[in-house]
Amino acid sequence: MSKDTIVIREIEPQDNAQLEQVIRACFHEFKIPLEGTAYSDEETPRMYESYQNDNDVYYVIELNGEILGGGGVKPLKDFENDVCEIQKMYFSPKVRGKGYGRKLFEKCVQSAKKLGFKQCYLESASQLKAAIHIYESNGFKHLEGALGNTGHYSCGVWMIKDLCD
């Protein structure tokens, strides 16, 4: 592999600490509330362990051993079994605006289909305008309120997409 190759791959145990830093930094950068968001989730410091089931997956973006972001798919908590959630999708400023976030997002949607989910749900914060644009351009539709029980009461954007198309 040549130097400066960006890789999108499944999370490994040694990625946890760097990924946690990337996730937490985004909340400060975009002034997103820390309570009622992924910032205070129990799984944020232990992302590898949190995605080891048959029906979930988490990907990271890596450049020369540095983790620059990630995103995953998991069943939507306390909701219908065939609905998943794209979650914990955050990127370092070093990798934004280069198309990798879109690639990783599309990989998550493809994985959701492969895992047999019929619909894909996500929550976001209105501050994350670039992310919301990617979701909209991938066919996600806005909802009036939250689905399931993510515990993210501070997220003000809820979107869903049918995966059968």
N, C-alpha and C. Protein backbone atom coordinates (compact mmCIF):
# COMPACT_ATOMS: atom_id res chain seq x y z
N MET A 1 0.85 -1.18 0.00
CA MET A 1 0.00 0.00 0.00
C MET A 1 0.90 1.25 0.00
N SER A 2 0.61 2.15 -0.91
CA SER A 2 1.44 3.35 -1.00
C SER A 2 1.13 4.30 0.15
N LYS A 3 2.07 5.18 0.40
CA LYS A 3 1.89 6.18 1.44
C LYS A 3 0.71 7.08 1.08
N ASP A 4 0.07 7.60 2.10
CA ASP A 4 -1.05 8.52 1.90
C ASP A 4 -2.24 7.86 1.19
N THR A 5 -2.44 6.59 1.42
CA THR A 5 -3.63 5.92 0.90
C THR A 5 -4.68 5.91 2.00
N ILE A 6 -5.84 6.43 1.67
CA ILE A 6 -6.94 6.40 2.63
C ILE A 6 -7.69 5.10 2.45
N VAL A 7 -7.91 4.41 3.57
CA VAL A 7 -8.56 3.12 3.57
C VAL A 7 -9.86 3.21 4.38
N ILE A 8 -10.92 2.61 3.85
CA ILE A 8 -12.16 2.44 4.62
C ILE A 8 -12.23 0.96 4.95
N ARG A 9 -12.24 0.66 6.25
CA ARG A 9 -12.22 -0.75 6.67
C ARG A 9 -13.06 -0.92 7.93
N GLU A 10 -13.32 -2.19 8.28
CA GLU A 10 -14.06 -2.45 9.51
C GLU A 10 -13.20 -2.08 10.72
N ILE A 11 -13.87 -1.67 11.77
CA ILE A 11 -13.18 -1.24 12.99
C ILE A 11 -12.41 -2.40 13.63
N GLU A 12 -11.28 -2.06 14.25
CA GLU A 12 -10.46 -3.02 14.99
C GLU A 12 -10.28 -2.48 16.42
N PRO A 13 -9.95 -3.37 17.37
CA PRO A 13 -9.89 -2.93 18.79
C PRO A 13 -8.98 -1.73 19.02
N GLN A 14 -7.87 -1.67 18.31
CA GLN A 14 -6.91 -0.58 18.55
C GLN A 14 -7.39 0.77 18.02
N ASP A 15 -8.53 0.79 17.33
CA ASP A 15 -9.05 2.06 16.78
C ASP A 15 -9.84 2.85 17.81
N ASN A 16 -10.24 2.23 18.91
CA ASN A 16 -11.19 2.84 19.85
C ASN A 16 -10.77 4.23 20.32
N ALA A 17 -9.57 4.36 20.82
CA ALA A 17 -9.16 5.63 21.44
C ALA A 17 -9.13 6.77 20.43
N GLN A 18 -8.54 6.53 19.26
CA GLN A 18 -8.48 7.59 18.24
C GLN A 18 -9.88 7.95 17.75
N LEU A 19 -10.72 6.94 17.57
CA LEU A 19 -12.08 7.20 17.08
C LEU A 19 -12.87 8.01 18.10
N GLU A 20 -12.74 7.67 19.36
CA GLU A 20 -13.43 8.42 20.42
C GLU A 20 -13.02 9.89 20.36
N GLN A 21 -11.74 10.16 20.15
CA GLN A 21 -11.27 11.56 20.06
C GLN A 21 -11.90 12.28 18.88
N VAL A 22 -11.98 11.62 17.73
CA VAL A 22 -12.59 12.22 16.54
C VAL A 22 -14.05 12.56 16.82
N ILE A 23 -14.78 11.59 17.39
CA ILE A 23 -16.21 11.79 17.66
C ILE A 23 -16.40 12.97 18.62
N ARG A 24 -15.68 12.95 19.74
CA ARG A 24 -15.87 13.99 20.75
C ARG A 24 -15.48 15.39 20.22
N ALA A 25 -14.44 15.45 19.41
CA ALA A 25 -13.98 16.75 18.87
C ALA A 25 -15.06 17.41 18.02
N CYS A 26 -15.83 16.62 17.29
CA CYS A 26 -16.87 17.19 16.42
C CYS A 26 -17.93 17.93 17.22
N PHE A 27 -18.24 17.41 18.42
CA PHE A 27 -19.27 18.05 19.25
C PHE A 27 -18.82 19.44 19.69
N HIS A 28 -17.55 19.56 20.04
CA HIS A 28 -17.02 20.87 20.45
C HIS A 28 -16.92 21.80 19.25
N GLU A 29 -16.43 21.26 18.14
CA GLU A 29 -16.25 22.09 16.94
C GLU A 29 -17.56 22.69 16.46
N PHE A 30 -18.63 21.86 16.43
CA PHE A 30 -19.91 22.32 15.89
C PHE A 30 -20.87 22.80 16.97
N LYS A 31 -20.40 22.84 18.22
CA LYS A 31 -21.21 23.31 19.34
C LYS A 31 -22.53 22.54 19.46
N ILE A 32 -22.42 21.22 19.38
CA ILE A 32 -23.56 20.32 19.53
C ILE A 32 -23.66 19.95 21.01
N PRO A 33 -24.86 19.88 21.56
CA PRO A 33 -24.98 19.51 22.98
C PRO A 33 -24.27 18.18 23.29
N LEU A 34 -23.69 18.09 24.48
CA LEU A 34 -22.96 16.89 24.88
C LEU A 34 -23.89 15.86 25.52
N GLU A 35 -24.95 16.35 26.15
CA GLU A 35 -25.92 15.44 26.77
C GLU A 35 -27.03 15.14 25.76
N GLY A 36 -27.51 13.90 25.79
CA GLY A 36 -28.58 13.52 24.88
C GLY A 36 -28.09 13.34 23.45
N THR A 37 -26.80 13.05 23.31
CA THR A 37 -26.19 12.83 21.99
C THR A 37 -25.18 11.69 22.11
N ALA A 38 -24.54 11.35 20.99
CA ALA A 38 -23.53 10.29 20.99
C ALA A 38 -22.37 10.62 21.92
N TYR A 39 -22.19 11.90 22.23
CA TYR A 39 -21.07 12.31 23.08
C TYR A 39 -21.10 11.57 24.41
N SER A 40 -22.30 11.41 24.96
CA SER A 40 -22.41 10.81 26.29
C SER A 40 -22.83 9.33 26.24
N ASP A 41 -22.87 8.72 25.06
CA ASP A 41 -23.21 7.30 24.96
C ASP A 41 -22.14 6.43 25.61
N GLU A 42 -22.60 5.36 26.26
CA GLU A 42 -21.66 4.41 26.88
C GLU A 42 -20.75 3.76 25.85
N GLU A 43 -21.25 3.60 24.62
CA GLU A 43 -20.44 2.87 23.64
C GLU A 43 -19.38 3.73 22.95
N THR A 44 -19.46 5.05 23.07
CA THR A 44 -18.51 5.91 22.36
C THR A 44 -17.04 5.57 22.67
N PRO A 45 -16.66 5.28 23.92
CA PRO A 45 -15.25 4.91 24.17
C PRO A 45 -14.91 3.47 23.76
N ARG A 46 -15.92 2.65 23.46
CA ARG A 46 -15.67 1.25 23.16
C ARG A 46 -16.44 0.82 21.90
N MET A 47 -16.12 1.51 20.83
CA MET A 47 -16.85 1.31 19.58
C MET A 47 -16.63 -0.08 19.00
N TYR A 48 -15.41 -0.60 19.07
CA TYR A 48 -15.16 -1.93 18.51
C TYR A 48 -16.09 -2.95 19.17
N GLU A 49 -16.12 -2.94 20.50
CA GLU A 49 -16.92 -3.92 21.25
C GLU A 49 -18.42 -3.74 20.98
N SER A 50 -18.82 -2.54 20.63
CA SER A 50 -20.24 -2.22 20.44
C SER A 50 -20.79 -2.69 19.10
N TYR A 51 -19.91 -3.12 18.21
CA TYR A 51 -20.34 -3.53 16.87
C TYR A 51 -19.82 -4.92 16.53
N GLN A 52 -20.08 -5.88 17.41
CA GLN A 52 -19.58 -7.25 17.19
C GLN A 52 -20.72 -8.25 17.06
N ASN A 53 -21.90 -7.80 16.66
CA ASN A 53 -23.03 -8.71 16.47
C ASN A 53 -23.18 -9.06 14.99
N ASP A 54 -24.03 -10.02 14.70
CA ASP A 54 -24.24 -10.45 13.31
C ASP A 54 -24.99 -9.41 12.49
N ASN A 55 -25.68 -8.50 13.17
CA ASN A 55 -26.55 -7.57 12.45
C ASN A 55 -26.08 -6.12 12.57
N ASP A 56 -24.79 -5.92 12.81
CA ASP A 56 -24.26 -4.55 12.83
C ASP A 56 -22.85 -4.54 12.26
N VAL A 57 -22.39 -3.35 11.90
CA VAL A 57 -21.03 -3.19 11.35
C VAL A 57 -20.61 -1.73 11.55
N TYR A 58 -19.32 -1.53 11.78
CA TYR A 58 -18.79 -0.16 11.90
C TYR A 58 -17.52 -0.05 11.07
N TYR A 59 -17.43 1.01 10.29
CA TYR A 59 -16.27 1.25 9.43
C TYR A 59 -15.50 2.48 9.91
N VAL A 60 -14.19 2.44 9.72
CA VAL A 60 -13.36 3.61 10.00
C VAL A 60 -12.64 4.03 8.72
N ILE A 61 -12.26 5.31 8.71
CA ILE A 61 -11.41 5.85 7.65
C ILE A 61 -10.02 6.00 8.26
N GLU A 62 -9.03 5.40 7.61
CA GLU A 62 -7.67 5.41 8.14
C GLU A 62 -6.71 5.96 7.09
N LEU A 63 -5.78 6.77 7.56
CA LEU A 63 -4.70 7.27 6.71
C LEU A 63 -3.39 7.08 7.45
N ASN A 64 -2.53 6.24 6.91
CA ASN A 64 -1.22 6.00 7.53
C ASN A 64 -1.31 5.72 9.03
N GLY A 65 -2.26 4.88 9.41
CA GLY A 65 -2.39 4.50 10.82
C GLY A 65 -3.20 5.46 11.67
N GLU A 66 -3.60 6.58 11.10
CA GLU A 66 -4.41 7.54 11.86
C GLU A 66 -5.88 7.37 11.51
N ILE A 67 -6.73 7.28 12.52
CA ILE A 67 -8.17 7.16 12.31
C ILE A 67 -8.75 8.57 12.14
N LEU A 68 -9.40 8.80 11.00
CA LEU A 68 -9.91 10.13 10.67
C LEU A 68 -11.43 10.21 10.66
N GLY A 69 -12.09 9.11 11.01
CA GLY A 69 -13.54 9.15 11.05
C GLY A 69 -14.12 7.76 10.99
N GLY A 70 -15.45 7.73 11.02
CA GLY A 70 -16.12 6.44 10.95
C GLY A 70 -17.62 6.58 10.90
N GLY A 71 -18.28 5.44 10.72
CA GLY A 71 -19.73 5.39 10.71
C GLY A 71 -20.17 3.94 10.71
N GLY A 72 -21.36 3.69 11.27
CA GLY A 72 -21.80 2.31 11.39
C GLY A 72 -23.29 2.12 11.19
N VAL A 73 -23.68 0.85 11.18
CA VAL A 73 -25.07 0.43 11.01
C VAL A 73 -25.41 -0.51 12.15
N LYS A 74 -26.56 -0.29 12.76
CA LYS A 74 -27.02 -1.13 13.87
C LYS A 74 -28.54 -1.14 13.86
N PRO A 75 -29.17 -2.22 14.35
CA PRO A 75 -30.63 -2.18 14.43
C PRO A 75 -31.09 -0.99 15.27
N LEU A 76 -32.18 -0.36 14.86
CA LEU A 76 -32.71 0.78 15.60
C LEU A 76 -33.29 0.27 16.91
N LYS A 77 -32.80 0.81 18.00
CA LYS A 77 -33.17 0.34 19.35
C LYS A 77 -34.66 0.51 19.62
N ASP A 78 -35.26 -0.55 20.15
CA ASP A 78 -36.67 -0.55 20.55
C ASP A 78 -37.60 -0.16 19.40
N PHE A 79 -37.33 -0.75 18.23
CA PHE A 79 -38.17 -0.47 17.06
C PHE A 79 -38.29 -1.75 16.25
N GLU A 80 -38.97 -1.66 15.10
CA GLU A 80 -39.16 -2.83 14.25
C GLU A 80 -37.81 -3.42 13.84
N ASN A 81 -37.77 -4.76 13.75
CA ASN A 81 -36.51 -5.46 13.48
C ASN A 81 -35.89 -5.16 12.13
N ASP A 82 -36.72 -4.75 11.16
CA ASP A 82 -36.17 -4.54 9.82
C ASP A 82 -35.76 -3.09 9.56
N VAL A 83 -35.67 -2.30 10.63
CA VAL A 83 -35.21 -0.91 10.51
C VAL A 83 -33.87 -0.78 11.23
N CYS A 84 -32.87 -0.27 10.51
CA CYS A 84 -31.55 -0.04 11.12
C CYS A 84 -31.32 1.45 11.26
N GLU A 85 -30.28 1.76 11.96
CA GLU A 85 -29.87 3.16 12.14
C GLU A 85 -28.43 3.30 11.67
N ILE A 86 -28.17 4.32 10.88
CA ILE A 86 -26.79 4.70 10.60
C ILE A 86 -26.38 5.59 11.75
N GLN A 87 -25.27 5.23 12.41
CA GLN A 87 -24.94 5.95 13.63
C GLN A 87 -23.45 6.20 13.78
N LYS A 88 -23.16 7.13 14.67
CA LYS A 88 -21.78 7.48 15.02
C LYS A 88 -20.94 7.80 13.78
N MET A 89 -21.50 8.62 12.90
CA MET A 89 -20.77 9.01 11.70
C MET A 89 -20.16 10.40 11.92
N TYR A 90 -18.86 10.41 12.13
CA TYR A 90 -18.13 11.65 12.42
C TYR A 90 -16.80 11.61 11.70
N PHE A 91 -16.31 12.79 11.30
CA PHE A 91 -15.06 12.88 10.54
C PHE A 91 -14.18 14.00 11.06
N SER A 92 -12.89 13.73 11.04
CA SER A 92 -11.89 14.76 11.35
C SER A 92 -11.90 15.81 10.24
N PRO A 93 -11.60 17.07 10.58
CA PRO A 93 -11.50 18.11 9.53
C PRO A 93 -10.49 17.73 8.44
N LYS A 94 -9.50 16.91 8.77
CA LYS A 94 -8.46 16.52 7.80
C LYS A 94 -9.02 15.75 6.60
N VAL A 95 -10.18 15.14 6.78
CA VAL A 95 -10.70 14.26 5.73
C VAL A 95 -11.99 14.79 5.10
N ARG A 96 -12.51 15.89 5.64
CA ARG A 96 -13.78 16.42 5.14
C ARG A 96 -13.62 17.09 3.78
N GLY A 97 -14.71 17.06 3.01
CA GLY A 97 -14.74 17.77 1.73
C GLY A 97 -13.99 17.05 0.62
N LYS A 98 -13.62 15.80 0.85
CA LYS A 98 -12.84 15.05 -0.15
C LYS A 98 -13.61 13.86 -0.69
N GLY A 99 -14.87 13.71 -0.27
CA GLY A 99 -15.69 12.62 -0.79
C GLY A 99 -15.64 11.34 0.01
N TYR A 100 -14.79 11.28 1.05
CA TYR A 100 -14.68 10.03 1.81
C TYR A 100 -15.89 9.81 2.72
N GLY A 101 -16.43 10.89 3.25
CA GLY A 101 -17.63 10.76 4.08
C GLY A 101 -18.78 10.18 3.27
N ARG A 102 -18.92 10.67 2.05
CA ARG A 102 -19.98 10.16 1.16
C ARG A 102 -19.73 8.68 0.86
N LYS A 103 -18.47 8.32 0.58
CA LYS A 103 -18.14 6.91 0.30
C LYS A 103 -18.47 6.02 1.49
N LEU A 104 -18.09 6.47 2.67
CA LEU A 104 -18.34 5.67 3.87
C LEU A 104 -19.85 5.56 4.12
N PHE A 105 -20.56 6.65 3.91
CA PHE A 105 -22.01 6.65 4.09
C PHE A 105 -22.66 5.66 3.14
N GLU A 106 -22.24 5.69 1.86
CA GLU A 106 -22.80 4.77 0.86
C GLU A 106 -22.47 3.32 1.23
N LYS A 107 -21.29 3.09 1.78
CA LYS A 107 -20.90 1.74 2.23
C LYS A 107 -21.83 1.28 3.37
N CYS A 108 -22.17 2.18 4.26
CA CYS A 108 -23.10 1.85 5.34
C CYS A 108 -24.48 1.49 4.79
N VAL A 109 -24.97 2.25 3.82
CA VAL A 109 -26.29 1.97 3.24
C VAL A 109 -26.26 0.60 2.54
N GLN A 110 -25.19 0.32 1.80
CA GLN A 110 -25.05 -0.99 1.14
C GLN A 110 -25.02 -2.11 2.18
N SER A 111 -24.29 -1.90 3.26
CA SER A 111 -24.20 -2.90 4.33
C SER A 111 -25.57 -3.14 4.95
N ALA A 112 -26.34 -2.07 5.13
CA ALA A 112 -27.69 -2.20 5.69
C ALA A 112 -28.55 -3.10 4.80
N LYS A 113 -28.43 -2.91 3.49
CA LYS A 113 -29.18 -3.76 2.55
C LYS A 113 -28.72 -5.21 2.67
N LYS A 114 -27.39 -5.42 2.69
CA LYS A 114 -26.84 -6.78 2.79
C LYS A 114 -27.27 -7.47 4.08
N LEU A 115 -27.39 -6.70 5.15
CA LEU A 115 -27.80 -7.26 6.44
C LEU A 115 -29.30 -7.55 6.49
N GLY A 116 -30.01 -7.16 5.43
CA GLY A 116 -31.43 -7.50 5.32
C GLY A 116 -32.40 -6.47 5.87
N PHE A 117 -31.91 -5.29 6.19
CA PHE A 117 -32.81 -4.24 6.70
C PHE A 117 -33.64 -3.67 5.55
N LYS A 118 -34.90 -3.28 5.88
CA LYS A 118 -35.81 -2.73 4.86
C LYS A 118 -35.78 -1.20 4.84
N GLN A 119 -35.48 -0.61 6.00
CA GLN A 119 -35.41 0.84 6.08
C GLN A 119 -34.19 1.24 6.89
N CYS A 120 -33.71 2.42 6.59
CA CYS A 120 -32.54 2.95 7.26
C CYS A 120 -32.90 4.30 7.85
N TYR A 121 -32.64 4.47 9.14
CA TYR A 121 -33.00 5.67 9.89
C TYR A 121 -31.71 6.34 10.34
N LEU A 122 -31.75 7.64 10.53
CA LEU A 122 -30.61 8.33 11.13
C LEU A 122 -31.08 9.57 11.85
N GLU A 123 -30.25 9.99 12.79
CA GLU A 123 -30.48 11.24 13.51
C GLU A 123 -29.25 12.11 13.34
N SER A 124 -29.49 13.41 13.29
CA SER A 124 -28.37 14.32 13.14
C SER A 124 -28.68 15.61 13.88
N ALA A 125 -27.74 16.51 13.81
CA ALA A 125 -27.92 17.84 14.40
C ALA A 125 -27.95 18.86 13.27
N SER A 126 -28.80 19.87 13.43
CA SER A 126 -28.98 20.84 12.35
C SER A 126 -27.68 21.56 11.99
N GLN A 127 -26.71 21.56 12.92
CA GLN A 127 -25.41 22.21 12.65
C GLN A 127 -24.62 21.48 11.54
N LEU A 128 -24.91 20.21 11.34
CA LEU A 128 -24.10 19.38 10.43
C LEU A 128 -24.67 19.44 9.01
N LYS A 129 -24.60 20.64 8.42
CA LYS A 129 -25.27 20.88 7.14
C LYS A 129 -24.71 20.03 6.00
N ALA A 130 -23.41 19.83 5.96
CA ALA A 130 -22.81 19.04 4.87
C ALA A 130 -23.29 17.59 4.95
N ALA A 131 -23.37 17.08 6.17
CA ALA A 131 -23.83 15.69 6.35
C ALA A 131 -25.28 15.56 5.92
N ILE A 132 -26.12 16.51 6.33
CA ILE A 132 -27.54 16.44 5.99
C ILE A 132 -27.72 16.50 4.47
N HIS A 133 -26.90 17.29 3.80
CA HIS A 133 -26.96 17.36 2.34
C HIS A 133 -26.66 15.99 1.72
N ILE A 134 -25.65 15.29 2.25
CA ILE A 134 -25.32 13.95 1.75
C ILE A 134 -26.51 13.01 1.95
N TYR A 135 -27.13 13.07 3.14
CA TYR A 135 -28.27 12.19 3.41
C TYR A 135 -29.41 12.47 2.42
N GLU A 136 -29.71 13.75 2.22
CA GLU A 136 -30.79 14.13 1.30
C GLU A 136 -30.48 13.66 -0.11
N SER A 137 -29.24 13.83 -0.54
CA SER A 137 -28.88 13.45 -1.91
C SER A 137 -28.86 11.94 -2.10
N ASN A 138 -28.86 11.19 -0.98
CA ASN A 138 -28.94 9.73 -1.04
C ASN A 138 -30.37 9.23 -0.84
N GLY A 139 -31.33 10.13 -0.91
CA GLY A 139 -32.73 9.70 -0.87
C GLY A 139 -33.35 9.62 0.51
N PHE A 140 -32.67 10.13 1.53
CA PHE A 140 -33.26 10.14 2.86
C PHE A 140 -34.28 11.27 2.95
N LYS A 141 -35.42 10.98 3.59
CA LYS A 141 -36.50 11.94 3.74
C LYS A 141 -36.59 12.37 5.20
N HIS A 142 -36.91 13.64 5.40
CA HIS A 142 -37.05 14.17 6.76
C HIS A 142 -38.30 13.63 7.44
N LEU A 143 -38.18 13.38 8.74
CA LEU A 143 -39.31 12.97 9.57
C LEU A 143 -39.64 14.10 10.55
N GLU A 144 -40.87 14.06 11.06
CA GLU A 144 -41.30 15.10 12.02
C GLU A 144 -40.74 14.87 13.42
N GLY A 145 -40.36 13.62 13.71
CA GLY A 145 -39.86 13.32 15.05
C GLY A 145 -39.04 12.05 15.05
N ALA A 146 -38.55 11.71 16.22
CA ALA A 146 -37.66 10.56 16.37
C ALA A 146 -38.41 9.24 16.30
N LEU A 147 -37.69 8.19 15.87
CA LEU A 147 -38.18 6.82 15.92
C LEU A 147 -37.31 6.04 16.89
N GLY A 148 -37.87 4.96 17.44
CA GLY A 148 -37.06 4.10 18.31
C GLY A 148 -36.69 4.80 19.60
N ASN A 149 -35.60 4.32 20.20
CA ASN A 149 -35.20 4.82 21.51
C ASN A 149 -33.69 4.98 21.55
N THR A 150 -33.16 5.95 20.83
CA THR A 150 -31.71 6.14 20.77
C THR A 150 -31.17 6.85 22.00
N GLY A 151 -32.05 7.55 22.73
CA GLY A 151 -31.59 8.35 23.86
C GLY A 151 -31.02 9.69 23.45
N HIS A 152 -31.05 9.99 22.15
CA HIS A 152 -30.44 11.23 21.66
C HIS A 152 -31.49 12.34 21.56
N TYR A 153 -31.96 12.76 22.71
CA TYR A 153 -33.02 13.77 22.72
C TYR A 153 -32.54 15.14 22.25
N SER A 154 -31.23 15.34 22.14
CA SER A 154 -30.73 16.64 21.67
C SER A 154 -30.55 16.70 20.16
N CYS A 155 -30.80 15.60 19.46
CA CYS A 155 -30.72 15.62 18.00
C CYS A 155 -32.02 16.18 17.46
N GLY A 156 -31.94 17.13 16.54
CA GLY A 156 -33.15 17.77 16.02
C GLY A 156 -33.48 17.40 14.59
N VAL A 157 -32.72 16.50 13.98
CA VAL A 157 -32.94 16.10 12.60
C VAL A 157 -33.11 14.58 12.57
N TRP A 158 -34.23 14.13 11.98
CA TRP A 158 -34.51 12.69 11.89
C TRP A 158 -34.85 12.39 10.43
N MET A 159 -34.24 11.34 9.88
CA MET A 159 -34.45 11.03 8.46
C MET A 159 -34.57 9.52 8.29
N ILE A 160 -35.23 9.13 7.19
CA ILE A 160 -35.40 7.70 6.89
C ILE A 160 -35.36 7.47 5.39
N LYS A 161 -34.97 6.25 5.03
CA LYS A 161 -34.93 5.86 3.62
C LYS A 161 -35.37 4.41 3.50
N ASP A 162 -36.19 4.12 2.47
CA ASP A 162 -36.52 2.74 2.14
C ASP A 162 -35.34 2.14 1.39
N LEU A 163 -34.97 0.92 1.76
CA LEU A 163 -33.81 0.28 1.13
C LEU A 163 -34.21 -0.65 -0.01
N CYS A 164 -35.50 -0.72 -0.28
CA CYS A 164 -35.98 -1.68 -1.30
C CYS A 164 -35.85 -1.14 -2.72
N ASP A 165 -35.47 0.12 -2.88
CA ASP A 165 -35.47 0.72 -4.22
C ASP A 165 -34.30 0.23 -5.05
